[in-house]
Every structure is written in C-alpha cells, then in structure tokens.
Amino acid sequence: MRWLTGNSVLVTGGAGGLGRALAQRFIEEGAQVAILDRSRERSEAIARELGVLAILGDVTSLPDNRRAVAETVERFGKLDCFVGNAGIFDFMTSLADLPDERIGPAFDELFGVNVKGYLLGAKAAYRELLKTRGNIIYTVSTAGLYPAGGGPLYTSTKHAVVGLIRQLAYELAPKIRVNGVAPGPIPTDLRGPSSLGMAEQSLAGLPLKELAVPVLPLGKLPEPRDYTGAYVMLASSENSSTLTGTVIVSDSGLGVRGFGSAAGGENLE
C-alpha cells in the first residue's frame, strides 16, 4: 500500500542527504513533492532525477517560505504536509573553543537556520494546511534530547525545536498535527556555519562509522533512507491520527546504551 497517495508535501533542505531521501520515499509512497533548498546545482539534479518541484530559496526568509508554499499549491493544488528539515551543524564546537568574537554571529546563524527557519516555514504553510487538515514534521536530532550530539549551539537549537513542536502542536490543534523525528547518526552532507568558517565542512567527511557504530546498540550506521519510515508514518493521517506534539526518537538505541564517559570535561584546562 502507498500511504501518501494524492498528498502534496513540501520539504525544506530537500536537495541532499536526509531531505533527498525523504523526497524520494514520499514519491514512492504516492505523494507529489516540492523542495525548498538554496543549492541550485543539487536542486536541479533532484528535479531531473526524481521529478520534484525544486524551489530555490533561503529558509531564513519568510518571503522565500511563502513563495515555496505558493508554488507548491499552484503546482499540486494543495499542501498536506510541511517538512522542516534544513539545518546546519556546529561540528561539536565546545563552549571553550568558541572564539569570543564569533559566538554572537554563530548563535544567530545556527538559530536562524535551525529554529527560525522552522518557525517561518510553519508561518508560511499553516493556512494551506488548515484547508487539508494537514500536518507539520520537523527534523530534530538526538541532540534535542541528549548532550554530546553537538556543541552548545547546535544542541540548544535542537532543544528549541522540541519546544517549538510542543507549542505549535497546542496552537494548531485540532486541525493541524505537529510532530518531529529525532534521527541518530547519519552520513549526510550537513554543513557548518560560515560564521565559524565551516560552510565548506561536511558531516560526510567525518569517520562516522568508526565514531558511531561502537556506541550504538543496534551496531550499524544507518543510511538516510533508514530514517524515512518515521516521517511517512507521521505524514499519513491514517497511521498517525492520534499523534501530535510527539518526537519519534530514531536513534539506533543510543538512549539505552550503557555508561561510557560520565563527564565530558576531564581534560578541560
């Protein structure tokens, strides 16, 4: 059975990594898919390969979010699901290692993309979602639940997303459901903030398999597609009609592993 037949879905950050995997999975489930991404090259590639509606834009811009929603509705006639997925990573930069003169700009950049981008997407989409009794899904990350999944900047943005999910779930009920998925380690081209000189640094460049597998109870590094099932379930009103304000933790058992290091500051000077 194709769970999303006839649905219209807009995915931010949809041109690569998890976003691309989501676009492909949604199409396989029968949905019509649009993406909002700032990379022209990758957007054009996924439009050719998967037939998605590719919209160039910046998630930190409300006009760009509104344009993406409008173009999606113009093409597909409606909007059933908005997936806030675009994000940037701080590459575990600790408080001690954050340069004094860059803390402010880095904070603004990370919160701008990871939190404000989600809020603006919801602002742009909610009126169309009211018409379809649709839903919003946000990509959270296990950093929204546990420490050491990023530095203090990234971790705090993802904790903020959990709060945003719960508040919007309350404000938009009963007509719009709002949920999240918290993926664990994932090999993807997630970039860093330009304010920390990390715009060209990619998560895919890290030895994730060597770093993650030893601490994951399920014992393997998931691929982006491995996380898409939770999004499909949440996007499907038939499968998740009772879920709102929920974060599905898809962490390969990270939250139930035994104790490793009790504290992270033994070597702090």
Protein backbone atom coordinates (compact mmCIF):
# COMPACT_ATOMS: atom_id res chain seq x y z
CA MET A 1 0.00 0.00 0.00
CA ARG A 2 1.18 3.54 -0.78
CA TRP A 3 0.39 5.57 2.32
CA LEU A 4 0.60 9.08 0.84
CA THR A 5 -1.21 8.69 -2.48
CA GLY A 6 -2.51 12.07 -3.63
CA ASN A 7 -0.76 14.02 -0.87
CA SER A 8 1.27 17.15 -1.51
CA VAL A 9 4.46 17.54 0.55
CA LEU A 10 6.98 20.39 0.82
CA VAL A 11 10.42 19.50 2.22
CA THR A 12 13.00 22.14 3.16
CA GLY A 13 16.64 21.24 2.67
CA GLY A 14 15.34 18.63 0.26
CA ALA A 15 18.12 18.61 -2.33
CA GLY A 16 20.57 16.39 -0.46
CA GLY A 17 21.13 14.00 2.42
CA LEU A 18 18.12 13.17 4.55
CA GLY A 19 15.96 15.69 2.69
CA ARG A 20 16.63 13.98 -0.64
CA ALA A 21 15.93 10.57 0.89
CA LEU A 22 12.63 11.92 2.23
CA ALA A 23 11.66 13.33 -1.16
CA GLN A 24 12.36 10.00 -2.83
CA ARG A 25 10.49 7.99 -0.17
CA PHE A 26 7.47 10.30 -0.28
CA ILE A 27 7.30 9.90 -4.06
CA GLU A 28 7.45 6.12 -3.66
CA GLU A 29 4.54 6.40 -1.22
CA GLY A 30 2.45 8.22 -3.82
CA ALA A 31 2.99 11.85 -2.84
CA GLN A 32 3.66 14.88 -5.02
CA VAL A 33 6.80 16.54 -3.67
CA ALA A 34 8.28 20.02 -3.70
CA ILE A 35 11.58 21.01 -2.12
CA LEU A 36 12.96 24.33 -0.91
CA ASP A 37 16.75 24.47 -0.99
CA ARG A 38 19.43 27.10 -1.56
CA SER A 39 21.68 24.91 -3.72
CA ARG A 40 20.88 25.46 -7.39
CA GLU A 41 23.06 22.60 -8.60
CA ARG A 42 21.64 19.98 -6.26
CA SER A 43 18.07 21.24 -6.70
CA GLU A 44 18.30 20.98 -10.48
CA ALA A 45 19.77 17.48 -10.14
CA ILE A 46 16.98 16.15 -7.93
CA ALA A 47 14.35 17.79 -10.15
CA ARG A 48 15.77 15.90 -13.14
CA GLU A 49 16.20 12.60 -11.31
CA LEU A 50 13.03 12.44 -9.23
CA GLY A 51 10.69 14.90 -10.90
CA VAL A 52 10.17 17.01 -7.79
CA LEU A 53 9.23 20.66 -7.92
CA ALA A 54 12.52 22.34 -6.95
CA ILE A 55 12.28 25.84 -5.49
CA LEU A 56 15.41 27.87 -4.79
CA GLY A 57 15.33 29.88 -1.59
CA ASP A 58 16.55 30.54 1.93
CA VAL A 59 14.60 29.08 4.85
CA THR A 60 15.52 32.09 7.00
CA SER A 61 13.44 34.30 4.68
CA LEU A 62 9.68 34.46 5.24
CA PRO A 63 9.06 35.62 1.64
CA ASP A 64 11.01 32.62 0.34
CA ASN A 65 8.98 30.26 2.53
CA ARG A 66 5.74 31.85 1.37
CA ARG A 67 6.84 31.62 -2.25
CA ALA A 68 7.66 27.94 -1.78
CA VAL A 69 4.21 27.24 -0.34
CA ALA A 70 2.51 29.24 -3.08
CA GLU A 71 4.40 27.45 -5.87
CA THR A 72 3.65 24.08 -4.28
CA VAL A 73 -0.07 24.84 -4.11
CA GLU A 74 -0.06 26.27 -7.63
CA ARG A 75 1.54 23.08 -8.98
CA PHE A 76 -0.27 20.46 -6.90
CA GLY A 77 -3.47 22.23 -5.87
CA LYS A 78 -2.97 21.92 -2.13
CA LEU A 79 -0.49 21.28 0.69
CA ASP A 80 -0.91 18.31 3.01
CA CYS A 81 2.44 18.18 4.81
CA PHE A 82 5.25 20.62 5.52
CA VAL A 83 8.58 19.04 6.49
CA GLY A 84 11.07 21.39 8.13
CA ASN A 85 14.39 19.68 7.55
CA ALA A 86 17.03 22.26 6.54
CA GLY A 87 19.78 22.64 9.11
CA ILE A 88 23.43 23.36 9.86
CA PHE A 89 25.79 21.75 12.38
CA ASP A 90 28.43 23.22 14.71
CA PHE A 91 30.78 20.21 14.43
CA MET A 92 30.87 19.71 18.18
CA THR A 93 32.50 23.11 18.82
CA SER A 94 32.61 23.38 22.61
CA LEU A 95 31.98 26.48 24.70
CA ALA A 96 35.70 26.70 25.48
CA ASP A 97 36.60 26.53 21.78
CA LEU A 98 34.10 29.11 20.56
CA PRO A 99 36.03 32.29 19.68
CA ASP A 100 34.74 35.22 21.71
CA GLU A 101 34.18 37.41 18.67
CA ARG A 102 32.24 34.70 16.82
CA ILE A 103 29.84 33.46 19.49
CA GLY A 104 27.18 36.05 18.63
CA PRO A 105 27.25 35.58 14.85
CA ALA A 106 27.42 31.79 15.18
CA PHE A 107 24.46 31.79 17.58
CA ASP A 108 22.43 33.93 15.19
CA GLU A 109 23.32 31.77 12.19
CA LEU A 110 22.56 28.42 13.82
CA PHE A 111 19.33 29.58 15.43
CA GLY A 112 18.41 31.38 12.21
CA VAL A 113 18.51 28.22 10.12
CA ASN A 114 17.66 25.52 12.65
CA VAL A 115 14.89 27.27 14.58
CA LYS A 116 13.75 30.43 12.80
CA GLY A 117 13.67 28.54 9.50
CA TYR A 118 11.24 26.03 11.02
CA LEU A 119 9.09 28.76 12.56
CA LEU A 120 8.90 30.72 9.29
CA GLY A 121 8.02 27.57 7.39
CA ALA A 122 5.11 26.94 9.72
CA LYS A 123 4.01 30.57 9.43
CA ALA A 124 4.02 30.31 5.64
CA ALA A 125 2.31 26.92 5.49
CA TYR A 126 -0.34 26.84 8.21
CA ARG A 127 -3.19 28.46 6.27
CA GLU A 128 -2.88 25.93 3.46
CA LEU A 129 -2.56 23.10 6.00
CA LEU A 130 -5.77 24.26 7.66
CA LYS A 131 -7.59 23.60 4.40
CA THR A 132 -6.39 19.99 4.22
CA ARG A 133 -6.20 19.27 7.97
CA GLY A 134 -2.59 18.53 7.23
CA ASN A 135 0.49 18.25 9.35
CA ILE A 136 3.98 19.57 10.09
CA ILE A 137 7.02 17.39 10.70
CA TYR A 138 10.34 18.74 11.96
CA THR A 139 13.72 17.04 11.89
CA VAL A 140 15.00 17.26 15.45
CA SER A 141 18.18 15.12 16.01
CA THR A 142 19.11 13.23 19.11
CA ALA A 143 20.93 16.43 20.11
CA GLY A 144 17.48 17.71 21.00
CA LEU A 145 17.29 15.07 23.73
CA TYR A 146 20.83 14.21 24.86
CA PRO A 147 24.12 16.09 25.35
CA ALA A 148 27.23 15.46 23.24
CA GLY A 149 25.36 15.26 19.92
CA GLY A 150 26.81 18.63 19.03
CA GLY A 151 28.29 21.65 20.72
CA PRO A 152 26.22 24.01 22.90
CA LEU A 153 24.97 25.99 19.92
CA TYR A 154 23.66 23.09 17.86
CA THR A 155 22.33 21.24 20.90
CA SER A 156 20.41 24.27 22.12
CA THR A 157 18.85 24.81 18.68
CA LYS A 158 17.56 21.26 18.63
CA HIS A 159 16.20 21.51 22.17
CA ALA A 160 14.42 24.66 20.99
CA VAL A 161 12.87 22.71 18.11
CA VAL A 162 11.35 20.25 20.61
CA GLY A 163 9.76 23.21 22.38
CA LEU A 164 8.54 24.61 19.08
CA ILE A 165 6.89 21.30 18.21
CA ARG A 166 5.01 21.19 21.51
CA GLN A 167 3.88 24.81 21.37
CA LEU A 168 2.73 24.64 17.74
CA ALA A 169 1.01 21.32 18.38
CA TYR A 170 -1.04 23.12 21.03
CA GLU A 171 -1.69 26.26 18.99
CA LEU A 172 -2.63 24.48 15.76
CA ALA A 173 -4.75 21.68 17.24
CA PRO A 174 -7.22 20.27 16.39
CA LYS A 175 -6.85 20.95 12.67
CA ILE A 176 -3.07 20.58 12.16
CA ARG A 177 -0.84 17.95 13.75
CA VAL A 178 2.77 18.89 14.56
CA ASN A 179 5.41 16.24 15.27
CA GLY A 180 9.11 15.57 14.94
CA VAL A 181 11.64 12.86 14.22
CA ALA A 182 14.96 12.73 16.08
CA PRO A 183 17.44 10.81 13.91
CA GLY A 184 20.67 9.44 15.29
CA PRO A 185 24.00 9.44 13.42
CA ILE A 186 23.58 9.88 9.70
CA PRO A 187 26.06 10.10 6.80
CA THR A 188 24.90 13.26 5.05
CA ASP A 189 26.29 16.46 3.57
CA LEU A 190 25.32 18.56 6.58
CA ARG A 191 27.40 21.76 6.55
CA GLY A 192 28.54 24.15 9.24
CA PRO A 193 28.01 27.88 9.83
CA SER A 194 30.01 30.34 7.75
CA SER A 195 30.45 32.43 10.90
CA LEU A 196 32.72 29.69 12.25
CA GLY A 197 34.46 29.13 8.92
CA MET A 198 32.66 25.81 8.44
CA ALA A 199 30.50 26.49 5.38
CA GLU A 200 32.50 24.01 3.30
CA GLN A 201 32.91 21.46 6.09
CA SER A 202 30.65 18.44 5.66
CA LEU A 203 29.45 15.87 8.17
CA ALA A 204 30.03 13.27 5.45
CA GLY A 205 33.74 14.00 5.77
CA LEU A 206 33.87 12.63 9.33
CA PRO A 207 34.60 8.95 10.04
CA LEU A 208 31.06 8.43 11.27
CA LYS A 209 31.16 4.66 11.03
CA GLU A 210 34.20 4.43 13.29
CA LEU A 211 32.81 7.02 15.70
CA ALA A 212 29.18 5.92 15.91
CA VAL A 213 28.94 2.17 15.49
CA PRO A 214 30.79 1.27 18.73
CA VAL A 215 28.27 3.24 20.81
CA LEU A 216 25.08 2.18 19.02
CA PRO A 217 23.26 -0.82 20.50
CA LEU A 218 21.95 -1.80 17.06
CA GLY A 219 25.52 -1.95 15.82
CA LYS A 220 25.35 -0.28 12.41
CA LEU A 221 25.43 3.20 10.91
CA PRO A 222 22.05 3.95 9.31
CA GLU A 223 21.74 5.44 5.85
CA PRO A 224 19.44 8.45 5.29
CA ARG A 225 16.72 6.21 3.87
CA ASP A 226 16.64 4.19 7.09
CA TYR A 227 15.10 7.18 8.86
CA THR A 228 12.35 7.93 6.34
CA GLY A 229 9.75 5.46 7.61
CA ALA A 230 9.01 7.54 10.70
CA TYR A 231 8.29 10.58 8.54
CA VAL A 232 5.98 8.57 6.29
CA MET A 233 4.02 7.38 9.31
CA LEU A 234 3.66 10.90 10.71
CA ALA A 235 2.68 12.32 7.31
CA SER A 236 -0.04 9.69 6.91
CA SER A 237 -3.24 10.67 8.71
CA GLU A 238 -4.34 7.05 8.54
CA ASN A 239 -1.31 5.93 10.54
CA SER A 240 -0.84 8.80 12.99
CA SER A 241 -4.20 10.49 13.54
CA THR A 242 -3.68 10.44 17.34
CA LEU A 243 -0.14 11.84 17.30
CA THR A 244 0.67 15.49 17.85
CA GLY A 245 3.38 17.13 19.93
CA THR A 246 5.34 13.90 19.62
CA VAL A 247 9.01 13.34 18.78
CA ILE A 248 9.83 9.90 17.41
CA VAL A 249 13.32 9.01 18.62
CA SER A 250 15.04 7.05 15.87
CA ASP A 251 18.48 6.68 17.46
CA SER A 252 19.54 3.03 16.95
CA GLY A 253 19.23 2.56 20.70
CA LEU A 254 21.57 5.39 21.67
CA GLY A 255 19.37 6.37 24.58
CA VAL A 256 19.50 2.94 26.19
CA ARG A 257 23.22 2.17 25.87
CA GLY A 258 25.38 1.55 28.90
CA PHE A 259 27.55 4.19 30.51
CA GLY A 260 30.64 5.34 28.66
CA SER A 261 32.13 8.60 29.85
CA ALA A 262 30.40 10.06 32.89
CA ALA A 263 31.56 13.61 32.12
CA GLY A 264 32.97 15.42 29.14
CA GLY A 265 35.34 17.86 30.83
CA GLU A 266 38.14 15.72 32.31
CA ASN A 267 40.74 17.28 30.03
CA LEU A 268 39.47 20.84 30.22
CA GLU A 269 42.18 23.38 31.01
